[in-house]
Amino acid sequence: MKTNTIFIKASEVSELMGISVSYAYRIIKTLNGELEKKGYLTVHGRTSRKYFYERVYGKEEYSA
C-alpha cells in the first residue's frame, strides 16, 4: 500500500506491521522523538515515511 505522501499514518503502520493502531501510535511517537532530537519538525500522529522504512526495514524501501 504505497502512496505518494511524505507522512505515514498510524492506520497504515498498523496494517503494514500487523499491530494494533494504538501500538502504531506508540511507534510513531518514538520515531518522532528520534527525529526531534535530530532537529526535524514532526507532525503528531504521523511520521516521515522515509524514516519509518529506514528504521523498520533497515534501508530505504520508499522513494518519493
N, C-alpha and C. Protein backbone atom coordinates (compact mmCIF):
# COMPACT_ATOMS: atom_id res chain seq x y z
N MET A 1 0.84 -1.18 0.00
CA MET A 1 0.00 0.00 0.00
C MET A 1 0.88 1.25 0.00
N LYS A 2 1.59 1.48 -1.05
CA LYS A 2 2.44 2.66 -1.16
C LYS A 2 1.62 3.85 -1.65
N THR A 3 1.91 4.97 -1.06
CA THR A 3 1.28 6.20 -1.51
C THR A 3 2.37 7.22 -1.76
N ASN A 4 2.01 8.34 -2.30
CA ASN A 4 2.98 9.37 -2.61
C ASN A 4 3.04 10.46 -1.55
N THR A 5 2.58 10.16 -0.34
CA THR A 5 2.62 11.15 0.72
C THR A 5 3.94 11.06 1.48
N ILE A 6 4.35 12.17 2.03
CA ILE A 6 5.60 12.23 2.79
C ILE A 6 5.43 11.54 4.14
N PHE A 7 4.24 11.64 4.71
CA PHE A 7 4.00 11.09 6.04
C PHE A 7 3.22 9.78 5.99
N ILE A 8 3.47 8.95 6.99
CA ILE A 8 2.74 7.70 7.14
C ILE A 8 1.90 7.80 8.41
N LYS A 9 0.64 7.37 8.33
CA LYS A 9 -0.28 7.46 9.46
C LYS A 9 -0.27 6.16 10.26
N ALA A 10 -0.81 6.23 11.46
CA ALA A 10 -0.87 5.06 12.34
C ALA A 10 -1.65 3.91 11.72
N SER A 11 -2.71 4.22 11.00
CA SER A 11 -3.51 3.15 10.39
C SER A 11 -2.69 2.35 9.38
N GLU A 12 -1.84 3.03 8.64
CA GLU A 12 -1.01 2.33 7.66
C GLU A 12 0.12 1.56 8.34
N VAL A 13 0.72 2.15 9.38
CA VAL A 13 1.74 1.45 10.16
C VAL A 13 1.14 0.18 10.74
N SER A 14 -0.06 0.29 11.28
CA SER A 14 -0.77 -0.85 11.86
C SER A 14 -0.95 -1.96 10.84
N GLU A 15 -1.39 -1.60 9.66
CA GLU A 15 -1.63 -2.58 8.61
C GLU A 15 -0.33 -3.23 8.14
N LEU A 16 0.70 -2.43 7.91
CA LEU A 16 1.97 -2.95 7.42
C LEU A 16 2.63 -3.91 8.41
N MET A 17 2.52 -3.58 9.71
CA MET A 17 3.22 -4.36 10.73
C MET A 17 2.35 -5.42 11.39
N GLY A 18 1.07 -5.39 11.11
CA GLY A 18 0.16 -6.35 11.72
C GLY A 18 -0.01 -6.14 13.21
N ILE A 19 -0.10 -4.87 13.61
CA ILE A 19 -0.22 -4.50 15.02
C ILE A 19 -1.47 -3.63 15.21
N SER A 20 -1.81 -3.37 16.46
CA SER A 20 -2.96 -2.51 16.74
C SER A 20 -2.63 -1.06 16.41
N VAL A 21 -3.66 -0.29 16.18
CA VAL A 21 -3.48 1.13 15.87
C VAL A 21 -2.87 1.85 17.07
N SER A 22 -3.29 1.48 18.29
CA SER A 22 -2.73 2.14 19.47
C SER A 22 -1.23 1.88 19.60
N TYR A 23 -0.78 0.67 19.26
CA TYR A 23 0.65 0.38 19.31
C TYR A 23 1.38 1.12 18.18
N ALA A 24 0.72 1.26 17.04
CA ALA A 24 1.30 2.02 15.93
C ALA A 24 1.54 3.48 16.34
N TYR A 25 0.61 4.05 17.11
CA TYR A 25 0.81 5.41 17.60
C TYR A 25 2.02 5.50 18.52
N ARG A 26 2.26 4.48 19.33
CA ARG A 26 3.44 4.48 20.20
C ARG A 26 4.72 4.42 19.38
N ILE A 27 4.72 3.63 18.31
CA ILE A 27 5.89 3.57 17.44
C ILE A 27 6.13 4.92 16.78
N ILE A 28 5.07 5.54 16.30
CA ILE A 28 5.18 6.86 15.68
C ILE A 28 5.73 7.87 16.68
N LYS A 29 5.26 7.82 17.91
CA LYS A 29 5.74 8.74 18.94
C LYS A 29 7.24 8.55 19.16
N THR A 30 7.69 7.31 19.19
CA THR A 30 9.12 7.01 19.36
C THR A 30 9.93 7.55 18.19
N LEU A 31 9.47 7.27 16.98
CA LEU A 31 10.19 7.75 15.80
C LEU A 31 10.22 9.27 15.74
N ASN A 32 9.10 9.91 16.07
CA ASN A 32 9.07 11.38 16.07
C ASN A 32 10.01 11.95 17.12
N GLY A 33 10.13 11.28 18.26
CA GLY A 33 11.07 11.71 19.29
C GLY A 33 12.50 11.67 18.78
N GLU A 34 12.83 10.60 18.05
CA GLU A 34 14.16 10.48 17.47
C GLU A 34 14.41 11.60 16.45
N LEU A 35 13.41 11.87 15.63
CA LEU A 35 13.55 12.93 14.63
C LEU A 35 13.69 14.30 15.27
N GLU A 36 12.94 14.55 16.34
CA GLU A 36 13.02 15.83 17.03
C GLU A 36 14.41 16.05 17.62
N LYS A 37 15.01 14.99 18.16
CA LYS A 37 16.37 15.09 18.70
C LYS A 37 17.38 15.43 17.62
N LYS A 38 17.08 15.06 16.38
CA LYS A 38 17.95 15.37 15.25
C LYS A 38 17.66 16.76 14.67
N GLY A 39 16.64 17.44 15.23
CA GLY A 39 16.33 18.79 14.80
C GLY A 39 15.23 18.91 13.76
N TYR A 40 14.53 17.83 13.48
CA TYR A 40 13.45 17.87 12.50
C TYR A 40 12.13 18.24 13.15
N LEU A 41 11.27 18.86 12.38
CA LEU A 41 9.90 19.13 12.82
C LEU A 41 9.07 17.88 12.59
N THR A 42 8.12 17.62 13.45
CA THR A 42 7.28 16.44 13.32
C THR A 42 5.81 16.82 13.38
N VAL A 43 4.97 15.90 12.95
CA VAL A 43 3.52 16.09 12.97
C VAL A 43 2.93 15.02 13.88
N HIS A 44 2.15 15.42 14.86
CA HIS A 44 1.55 14.49 15.80
C HIS A 44 0.69 13.45 15.06
N GLY A 45 0.90 12.18 15.38
CA GLY A 45 0.11 11.11 14.79
C GLY A 45 0.58 10.64 13.43
N ARG A 46 1.64 11.24 12.92
CA ARG A 46 2.23 10.86 11.63
C ARG A 46 3.73 10.96 11.74
N THR A 47 4.42 10.21 10.91
CA THR A 47 5.87 10.30 10.91
C THR A 47 6.36 10.23 9.47
N SER A 48 7.61 10.55 9.29
CA SER A 48 8.21 10.50 7.96
C SER A 48 8.17 9.08 7.42
N ARG A 49 7.59 8.94 6.24
CA ARG A 49 7.52 7.63 5.60
C ARG A 49 8.92 7.08 5.36
N LYS A 50 9.83 7.93 4.89
CA LYS A 50 11.20 7.51 4.61
C LYS A 50 11.89 7.02 5.89
N TYR A 51 11.76 7.78 6.97
CA TYR A 51 12.40 7.40 8.22
C TYR A 51 11.79 6.11 8.78
N PHE A 52 10.48 5.96 8.65
CA PHE A 52 9.82 4.74 9.10
C PHE A 52 10.43 3.52 8.41
N TYR A 53 10.53 3.56 7.08
CA TYR A 53 11.07 2.42 6.35
C TYR A 53 12.54 2.17 6.69
N GLU A 54 13.30 3.24 6.88
CA GLU A 54 14.71 3.08 7.26
C GLU A 54 14.84 2.38 8.61
N ARG A 55 14.03 2.78 9.58
CA ARG A 55 14.13 2.23 10.93
C ARG A 55 13.53 0.83 11.04
N VAL A 56 12.47 0.56 10.32
CA VAL A 56 11.81 -0.74 10.43
C VAL A 56 12.50 -1.79 9.56
N TYR A 57 12.85 -1.42 8.35
CA TYR A 57 13.41 -2.39 7.42
C TYR A 57 14.92 -2.27 7.26
N GLY A 58 15.52 -1.25 7.87
CA GLY A 58 16.97 -1.11 7.83
C GLY A 58 17.51 -0.47 6.57
N LYS A 59 16.66 -0.11 5.67
CA LYS A 59 17.07 0.58 4.46
C LYS A 59 15.88 1.31 3.89
N GLU A 60 16.15 2.16 2.96
CA GLU A 60 15.05 2.92 2.34
C GLU A 60 14.31 2.02 1.36
N GLU A 61 13.04 1.78 1.63
CA GLU A 61 12.19 0.98 0.77
C GLU A 61 11.24 1.89 -0.03
N TYR A 62 11.26 3.14 0.29
CA TYR A 62 10.32 4.09 -0.31
C TYR A 62 11.09 5.27 -0.85
N SER A 63 10.76 5.72 -2.02
CA SER A 63 11.35 6.95 -2.53
C SER A 63 10.24 7.81 -3.10
N ALA A 64 10.21 9.05 -2.66
CA ALA A 64 9.15 9.97 -3.09
C ALA A 64 9.45 10.57 -4.42
